[in-house]
């Protein structure tokens, strides 16, 4: 199968059509070896020497993700945080980076803690405003701009193409966390980004049973090679079984993501204007901040994530989460099961998550059942 001749959904479903040469199996074997045999003259003509750099279990998953993102290379990592921090660790102490105020809290905390202590200079800006990026840039000093769109946990939208132009004009690279958008909805490299990051634990795997991360690059350049060295030297590699499971999950990506998007859109529309809901945070709602931009740079849908701000404040929001029956009260997102979480409690001081907000990861259950469960939880909260 030539991936160029089929649509992305077909390439994903058949994992690029690779077949095991020895057995003719259409599902790849699980490679668990950690080391590889040298030739008699001490060379590695197989191209593989040790698992940290040369794991054949990565080949097909990396190739598929690279194809879907239109990249020049892809790498799997042990987690999304490992992938993201490898980019920043490939910079030098003293380099300046710009990142959003609203982003995955674990990475924001790392940037404001370890990265700053290590020597990076970090500015956080309003990522919905291109002028804020332009003002924050320090030509010759800013080496990396990091964005996340839609951004966790309020799902604000950043203009990828505009931010890429601003970053490149100052001599910086643009990296995009596309975990929520996935390659199904957005291809950031085609919009001018230099790197795309995925917390592959989430939608790429989609079954809440793998910890992994991934990076895709627009160019196989010196910076990409430096990131590769960081992955090798710090041992930030995924396990063989995790890579195998990740590939399995990616084969259903173009079925799972659209289904989650359809349900999220239905849920968002249902609760917009609800008497117990102060606001629905979802870029797919007409009139929502960033709606027009999201429609332009995302492929017809707006993601499976939304947040609800519950009237009555923090106590009311936590009470609603306590009374759901079908939704699962758990951290993470992008799985087949729907999750609900009070993010302010998780993120703590400095979180951009309003205290009255519940974050929803919409799974593959019937949308009507999910709506009914939230309705009964809201009704139970009203009786208190």
Protein backbone atom coordinates (compact mmCIF):
# COMPACT_ATOMS: atom_id res chain seq x y z
CA UNK A 1 0.00 0.00 0.00
CA UNK A 2 1.33 3.40 -0.96
CA UNK A 3 0.11 5.79 1.78
CA UNK A 4 0.17 8.62 -0.76
CA UNK A 5 -2.68 6.98 -2.66
CA UNK A 6 -5.11 6.55 0.25
CA UNK A 7 -6.76 8.85 2.75
CA UNK A 8 -5.27 9.21 6.26
CA UNK A 9 -8.02 7.09 7.79
CA UNK A 10 -7.04 4.18 5.52
CA UNK A 11 -3.34 4.63 6.25
CA UNK A 12 -4.08 4.58 9.99
CA UNK A 13 -6.45 1.60 9.88
CA UNK A 14 -3.83 -0.53 8.11
CA UNK A 15 -0.88 1.07 9.95
CA UNK A 16 0.63 1.97 6.56
CA UNK A 17 -0.04 -1.56 5.32
CA UNK A 18 3.14 -3.01 6.78
CA UNK A 19 3.28 -6.82 6.83
CA UNK A 20 5.84 -8.86 8.78
CA UNK A 21 8.26 -10.15 6.16
CA UNK A 22 8.99 -13.48 7.83
CA UNK A 23 5.51 -14.57 8.93
CA UNK A 24 3.28 -12.44 6.64
CA UNK A 25 1.39 -11.36 9.77
CA UNK A 26 -0.63 -8.17 9.39
CA UNK A 27 -0.25 -7.38 13.09
CA UNK A 28 3.36 -6.57 13.97
CA UNK A 29 5.42 -8.85 16.22
CA UNK A 30 6.37 -7.61 19.67
CA UNK A 31 10.12 -6.92 19.81
CA UNK A 32 11.48 -7.05 23.36
CA UNK A 33 15.23 -7.38 22.77
CA UNK A 34 17.40 -4.80 24.51
CA UNK A 35 20.60 -5.44 22.58
CA UNK A 36 21.63 -6.60 19.09
CA UNK A 37 24.41 -8.77 17.65
CA UNK A 38 27.51 -7.19 16.13
CA UNK A 39 28.99 -8.50 12.91
CA UNK A 40 32.32 -10.34 12.99
CA UNK A 41 34.18 -7.14 12.11
CA UNK A 42 32.56 -5.32 15.07
CA UNK A 43 30.08 -3.38 12.91
CA UNK A 44 26.32 -3.04 13.30
CA UNK A 45 25.14 -3.57 9.73
CA UNK A 46 21.64 -4.27 11.02
CA UNK A 47 21.48 -0.59 11.96
CA UNK A 48 20.66 -1.46 15.56
CA UNK A 49 22.90 -1.52 18.59
CA UNK A 50 20.92 -0.91 21.78
CA UNK A 51 17.29 -0.44 22.69
CA UNK A 52 17.48 3.23 23.72
CA UNK A 53 18.22 4.28 20.16
CA UNK A 54 17.33 1.37 17.92
CA UNK A 55 14.15 -0.34 19.10
CA UNK A 56 12.34 -1.95 16.11
CA UNK A 57 9.15 -1.83 18.17
CA UNK A 58 9.08 1.93 17.48
CA UNK A 59 9.44 1.76 13.71
CA UNK A 60 5.85 1.32 12.58
CA UNK A 61 4.23 3.63 15.13
CA UNK A 62 6.73 6.38 14.40
CA UNK A 63 6.31 5.94 10.65
CA UNK A 64 2.52 6.11 10.90
CA UNK A 65 2.51 9.21 13.09
CA UNK A 66 5.09 10.88 10.86
CA UNK A 67 2.87 10.17 7.85
CA UNK A 68 -0.27 11.52 9.51
CA UNK A 69 1.51 14.72 10.60
CA UNK A 70 3.32 15.23 7.24
CA UNK A 71 6.65 15.25 9.06
CA UNK A 72 10.28 14.54 8.30
CA UNK A 73 10.74 12.31 11.33
CA UNK A 74 9.00 11.09 14.50
CA UNK A 75 10.15 9.82 17.88
CA UNK A 76 8.36 7.95 20.63
CA UNK A 77 9.04 8.82 24.27
CA UNK A 78 8.21 7.32 27.63
CA UNK A 79 5.51 9.94 28.28
CA UNK A 80 4.11 13.20 26.99
CA UNK A 81 6.13 15.06 29.60
CA UNK A 82 9.29 13.27 28.47
CA UNK A 83 8.61 14.33 24.88
CA UNK A 84 7.84 17.93 25.79
CA UNK A 85 10.74 18.42 28.20
CA UNK A 86 13.18 16.89 25.69
CA UNK A 87 12.48 19.87 23.44
CA UNK A 88 13.29 22.37 26.16
CA UNK A 89 16.29 20.36 27.37
CA UNK A 90 17.70 20.64 23.85
CA UNK A 91 18.05 24.39 24.37
CA UNK A 92 20.89 26.03 26.27
CA UNK A 93 20.77 27.72 29.67
CA UNK A 94 20.09 31.40 29.08
CA UNK A 95 17.83 30.81 26.07
CA UNK A 96 14.49 32.56 26.11
CA UNK A 97 11.21 30.70 25.52
CA UNK A 98 7.62 31.87 25.26
CA UNK A 99 4.70 29.67 26.31
CA UNK A 100 0.97 30.11 27.03
CA UNK A 101 -0.59 31.03 30.33
CA UNK A 102 -3.24 28.36 29.65
CA UNK A 103 -1.62 25.01 28.95
CA UNK A 104 -1.18 21.55 30.45
CA UNK A 105 -0.47 22.30 34.07
CA UNK A 106 2.30 19.70 34.50
CA UNK A 107 4.42 21.29 31.79
CA UNK A 108 3.66 24.82 32.98
CA UNK A 109 4.75 23.83 36.48
CA UNK A 110 7.95 22.27 35.08
CA UNK A 111 8.73 25.41 33.08
CA UNK A 112 8.26 27.66 36.08
CA UNK A 113 10.25 25.32 38.31
CA UNK A 114 12.95 23.05 36.93
CA UNK A 115 13.41 24.78 33.58
CA UNK A 116 13.79 28.20 35.15
CA UNK A 117 16.18 26.87 37.78
CA UNK A 118 18.18 25.13 35.07
CA UNK A 119 18.65 28.44 33.29
CA UNK A 120 15.92 28.91 30.72
CA UNK A 121 14.16 32.27 30.72
CA UNK A 122 10.42 31.74 30.42
CA UNK A 123 7.63 34.19 29.63
CA UNK A 124 3.99 33.15 29.71
CA UNK A 125 1.56 35.06 27.51
CA UNK A 126 -2.09 35.15 26.45
CA UNK A 127 -1.91 32.69 23.57
CA UNK A 128 -5.19 33.85 22.06
CA UNK A 129 -3.58 37.18 21.17
CA UNK A 130 -0.88 37.14 18.44
CA UNK A 131 0.19 40.61 19.56
CA UNK A 132 1.12 39.18 22.96
CA UNK A 133 3.53 36.76 21.27
CA UNK A 134 4.98 39.53 19.13
CA UNK A 135 5.56 41.71 22.17
CA UNK A 136 7.20 38.88 24.13
CA UNK A 137 9.69 37.96 21.41
CA UNK A 138 13.35 38.84 21.93
CA UNK A 139 15.01 38.52 18.50
CA UNK A 140 18.24 36.57 18.75
CA UNK A 141 17.42 35.41 22.28
CA UNK A 142 14.04 33.73 21.93
CA UNK A 143 14.77 30.22 20.71
CA UNK A 144 11.42 28.48 21.16
CA UNK A 145 7.74 29.35 21.18
CA UNK A 146 5.47 26.67 22.66
CA UNK A 147 1.71 26.62 22.15
CA UNK A 148 -1.14 24.22 22.88
CA UNK A 149 -4.37 24.33 20.89
CA UNK A 150 -7.06 23.65 21.97
CA UNK A 151 -5.50 24.44 25.34
CA UNK A 152 -6.17 22.43 28.48
CA UNK A 153 -8.38 23.02 30.47
CA UNK A 154 -10.41 25.92 29.00
CA UNK A 155 -9.92 24.92 25.33
CA UNK A 156 -8.89 28.33 24.05
CA UNK A 157 -7.56 28.43 20.50
CA UNK A 158 -4.20 29.74 19.27
CA UNK A 159 -3.55 30.80 15.68
CA UNK A 160 -0.82 28.36 14.60
CA UNK A 161 0.05 30.03 11.30
CA UNK A 162 0.22 33.53 12.77
CA UNK A 163 2.32 32.38 15.72
CA UNK A 164 4.69 30.51 13.39
CA UNK A 165 5.32 33.70 11.41
CA UNK A 166 5.99 35.66 14.60
CA UNK A 167 8.37 33.01 15.95
CA UNK A 168 10.27 32.62 12.69
CA UNK A 169 10.64 36.39 12.24
CA UNK A 170 12.48 36.45 15.58
CA UNK A 171 14.63 33.43 14.71
CA UNK A 172 12.73 31.04 17.00
CA UNK A 173 11.12 27.66 16.43
CA UNK A 174 7.45 26.93 17.03
CA UNK A 175 6.40 23.75 18.84
CA UNK A 176 2.72 22.80 19.09
CA UNK A 177 1.14 20.51 21.66
CA UNK A 178 -1.55 18.92 19.47
CA UNK A 179 -2.66 16.29 21.97
CA UNK A 180 -6.31 17.33 21.90
CA UNK A 181 -6.52 18.16 18.21
CA UNK A 182 -4.76 14.96 17.10
CA UNK A 183 -3.70 14.47 13.47
CA UNK A 184 -7.36 13.80 12.69
CA UNK A 185 -8.30 17.43 13.26
CA UNK A 186 -5.12 19.42 12.71
CA UNK A 187 -1.71 19.12 11.07
CA UNK A 188 0.33 21.88 12.67
CA UNK A 189 3.42 21.30 10.53
CA UNK A 190 1.43 22.22 7.42
CA UNK A 191 0.50 25.49 9.14
CA UNK A 192 4.13 26.43 9.76
CA UNK A 193 5.06 24.73 13.03
CA UNK A 194 8.51 23.21 13.39
CA UNK A 195 7.60 20.53 15.93
CA UNK A 196 4.42 18.77 17.04
CA UNK A 197 4.09 17.06 20.41
CA UNK A 198 1.53 14.47 21.46
CA UNK A 199 0.86 13.08 24.89
CA UNK A 200 0.29 9.72 23.22
CA UNK A 201 -1.22 8.37 26.44
CA UNK A 202 -4.34 10.27 25.43
CA UNK A 203 -6.07 10.11 22.02
CA UNK A 204 -3.32 8.41 20.03
CA UNK A 205 -3.59 5.34 22.22
CA UNK A 206 -7.17 5.99 23.28
CA UNK A 207 -7.68 3.12 25.73
CA UNK A 208 -6.25 4.41 29.03
CA UNK A 209 -3.66 1.64 29.15
CA UNK A 210 -0.45 3.18 27.77
CA UNK A 211 1.97 5.85 28.98
CA UNK A 212 3.79 7.36 26.00
CA UNK A 213 4.66 10.58 24.21
CA UNK A 214 5.73 11.55 20.72
CA UNK A 215 7.37 14.31 18.73
CA UNK A 216 7.22 14.96 14.99
CA UNK A 217 9.52 17.38 13.19
CA UNK A 218 9.18 19.39 10.01
CA UNK A 219 12.91 18.96 9.30
CA UNK A 220 15.63 16.49 10.20
CA UNK A 221 18.04 19.22 11.28
CA UNK A 222 20.62 19.73 14.01
CA UNK A 223 17.98 20.60 16.59
CA UNK A 224 16.11 17.38 15.85
CA UNK A 225 19.32 15.43 16.27
CA UNK A 226 19.88 17.15 19.60
CA UNK A 227 16.41 16.10 20.76
CA UNK A 228 17.23 12.56 19.64
CA UNK A 229 20.41 12.68 21.72
CA UNK A 230 18.46 13.88 24.76
CA UNK A 231 16.04 10.98 24.38
CA UNK A 232 18.91 8.51 24.15
CA UNK A 233 21.10 9.96 26.88
CA UNK A 234 18.28 10.47 29.39
CA UNK A 235 16.67 7.14 28.58
CA UNK A 236 13.30 8.76 27.89
CA UNK A 237 12.12 5.93 25.65
CA UNK A 238 8.85 4.04 25.64
CA UNK A 239 8.76 0.32 26.29
CA UNK A 240 8.29 -2.19 23.50
CA UNK A 241 4.85 -3.30 24.68
CA UNK A 242 3.75 0.32 25.06
CA UNK A 243 4.81 1.03 21.47
CA UNK A 244 2.92 -2.06 20.29
CA UNK A 245 -0.23 -0.99 22.14
CA UNK A 246 0.13 2.57 20.86
CA UNK A 247 0.18 1.39 17.27
CA UNK A 248 -2.90 -0.73 17.93
CA UNK A 249 -4.69 2.30 19.31
CA UNK A 250 -3.69 4.55 16.42
CA UNK A 251 -5.33 2.16 13.98
CA UNK A 252 -8.77 3.23 15.28
CA UNK A 253 -7.90 6.93 15.66
CA UNK A 254 -10.04 8.08 12.74
CA UNK A 255 -13.06 6.26 14.15
CA UNK A 256 -12.67 7.23 17.81
CA UNK A 257 -11.88 10.94 17.47
CA UNK A 258 -14.79 11.87 15.18
CA UNK A 259 -17.18 9.90 17.40
CA UNK A 260 -15.96 11.73 20.51
CA UNK A 261 -16.22 15.06 18.68
CA UNK A 262 -19.82 14.44 17.67
CA UNK A 263 -20.81 13.62 21.23
CA UNK A 264 -18.89 16.58 22.66
CA UNK A 265 -20.64 18.93 20.26
CA UNK A 266 -24.01 17.51 21.26
CA UNK A 267 -23.25 17.78 24.98
CA UNK A 268 -21.94 21.33 24.62
CA UNK A 269 -25.03 22.42 22.69
CA UNK A 270 -27.34 20.78 25.25
CA UNK A 271 -25.83 22.55 28.25
CA UNK A 272 -25.32 25.95 26.61
CA UNK A 273 -27.86 28.17 28.38
CA UNK A 274 -28.71 25.47 30.93
CA UNK A 275 -30.13 27.00 34.14
CA UNK A 276 -27.53 25.23 36.30
CA UNK A 277 -24.56 25.99 34.06
CA UNK A 278 -22.89 29.39 34.02
CA UNK A 279 -20.82 28.72 30.88
CA UNK A 280 -19.84 25.96 28.49
CA UNK A 281 -16.23 26.16 27.36
CA UNK A 282 -16.04 24.54 23.94
CA UNK A 283 -14.66 26.07 20.72
CA UNK A 284 -17.28 24.27 18.65
CA UNK A 285 -20.10 26.46 19.95
CA UNK A 286 -20.97 29.29 17.55
CA UNK A 287 -19.98 32.53 19.21
CA UNK A 288 -17.41 30.86 21.48
CA UNK A 289 -14.06 32.64 21.67
CA UNK A 290 -11.85 31.26 18.91
CA UNK A 291 -14.70 29.48 17.13
CA UNK A 292 -13.97 30.96 13.69
CA UNK A 293 -10.24 30.30 14.02
CA UNK A 294 -10.84 26.74 15.20
CA UNK A 295 -13.14 26.12 12.24
CA UNK A 296 -10.39 27.38 9.94
CA UNK A 297 -7.43 25.43 11.30
CA UNK A 298 -9.20 22.26 12.46
CA UNK A 299 -10.69 19.72 10.07
CA UNK A 300 -14.42 20.07 10.52
CA UNK A 301 -14.68 19.20 14.23
CA UNK A 302 -13.58 20.82 17.45
CA UNK A 303 -12.34 18.02 19.68
CA UNK A 304 -13.76 15.74 22.33
CA UNK A 305 -12.91 17.97 25.30
CA UNK A 306 -15.11 20.59 26.94
CA UNK A 307 -15.55 22.19 30.33
CA UNK A 308 -18.64 23.24 32.26
CA UNK A 309 -18.76 26.08 34.78
CA UNK A 310 -21.37 25.17 37.36
CA UNK A 311 -23.48 27.81 39.04
CA UNK A 312 -22.91 27.84 42.78
CA UNK A 313 -19.13 27.90 42.73
CA UNK A 314 -16.56 25.31 43.72
CA UNK A 315 -18.72 23.40 46.17
CA UNK A 316 -21.50 23.00 43.61
CA UNK A 317 -19.09 21.80 40.93
CA UNK A 318 -17.52 19.20 43.21
CA UNK A 319 -21.01 18.06 44.31
CA UNK A 320 -22.04 17.50 40.68
CA UNK A 321 -18.92 15.43 40.02
CA UNK A 322 -19.65 13.40 43.14
CA UNK A 323 -23.08 12.37 41.85
CA UNK A 324 -22.34 11.22 38.31
CA UNK A 325 -22.82 7.51 37.66
CA UNK A 326 -21.73 6.92 34.05
CA UNK A 327 -18.95 9.48 33.86
CA UNK A 328 -15.80 8.38 35.68
CA UNK A 329 -14.13 10.72 38.17
CA UNK A 330 -10.55 10.35 36.99
CA UNK A 331 -7.58 12.26 35.59
CA UNK A 332 -6.53 12.02 31.94
CA UNK A 333 -8.41 12.33 28.68
CA UNK A 334 -8.85 10.83 25.24
CA UNK A 335 -9.93 7.33 26.27
CA UNK A 336 -12.99 5.35 25.25
CA UNK A 337 -14.59 6.03 28.63
CA UNK A 338 -15.87 9.50 29.55
CA UNK A 339 -14.07 11.23 32.42
CA UNK A 340 -15.03 14.16 34.64
CA UNK A 341 -12.69 16.11 36.88
CA UNK A 342 -12.56 19.25 39.02
CA UNK A 343 -9.34 20.67 37.58
CA UNK A 344 -8.74 23.48 40.08
CA UNK A 345 -8.40 20.90 42.85
CA UNK A 346 -5.86 18.96 40.81
CA UNK A 347 -3.78 21.89 39.61
CA UNK A 348 -3.71 23.87 42.84
CA UNK A 349 -2.52 27.45 43.32
CA UNK A 350 -1.93 29.40 40.14
CA UNK A 351 -4.25 27.25 38.04
CA UNK A 352 -6.13 29.06 35.25
CA UNK A 353 -9.02 26.66 35.85
CA UNK A 354 -11.97 28.46 37.47
CA UNK A 355 -12.99 26.97 40.80
CA UNK A 356 -16.50 26.27 39.48
CA UNK A 357 -15.27 24.34 36.42
CA UNK A 358 -15.53 20.66 35.59
CA UNK A 359 -13.37 19.26 32.78
CA UNK A 360 -15.04 16.63 30.60
CA UNK A 361 -13.30 14.12 28.36
CA UNK A 362 -16.01 12.67 26.14
CA UNK A 363 -15.61 9.00 25.31
CA UNK A 364 -17.54 6.58 23.14
CA UNK A 365 -20.66 6.01 25.22
CA UNK A 366 -24.05 7.05 23.91
CA UNK A 367 -24.23 10.85 24.04
CA UNK A 368 -27.80 10.75 25.32
CA UNK A 369 -26.73 8.61 28.26
CA UNK A 370 -23.89 11.00 29.08
CA UNK A 371 -26.25 13.99 28.98
CA UNK A 372 -28.80 12.20 31.17
CA UNK A 373 -26.15 11.37 33.73
CA UNK A 374 -25.04 15.00 33.95
CA UNK A 375 -28.65 16.11 34.20
CA UNK A 376 -29.36 13.83 37.14
CA UNK A 377 -26.17 14.97 38.84
CA UNK A 378 -27.15 18.61 38.38
CA UNK A 379 -30.66 17.85 39.65
CA UNK A 380 -29.27 16.13 42.72
CA UNK A 381 -27.03 19.09 43.41
CA UNK A 382 -30.03 21.45 43.20
CA UNK A 383 -31.81 19.52 45.95
CA UNK A 384 -29.02 20.12 48.46
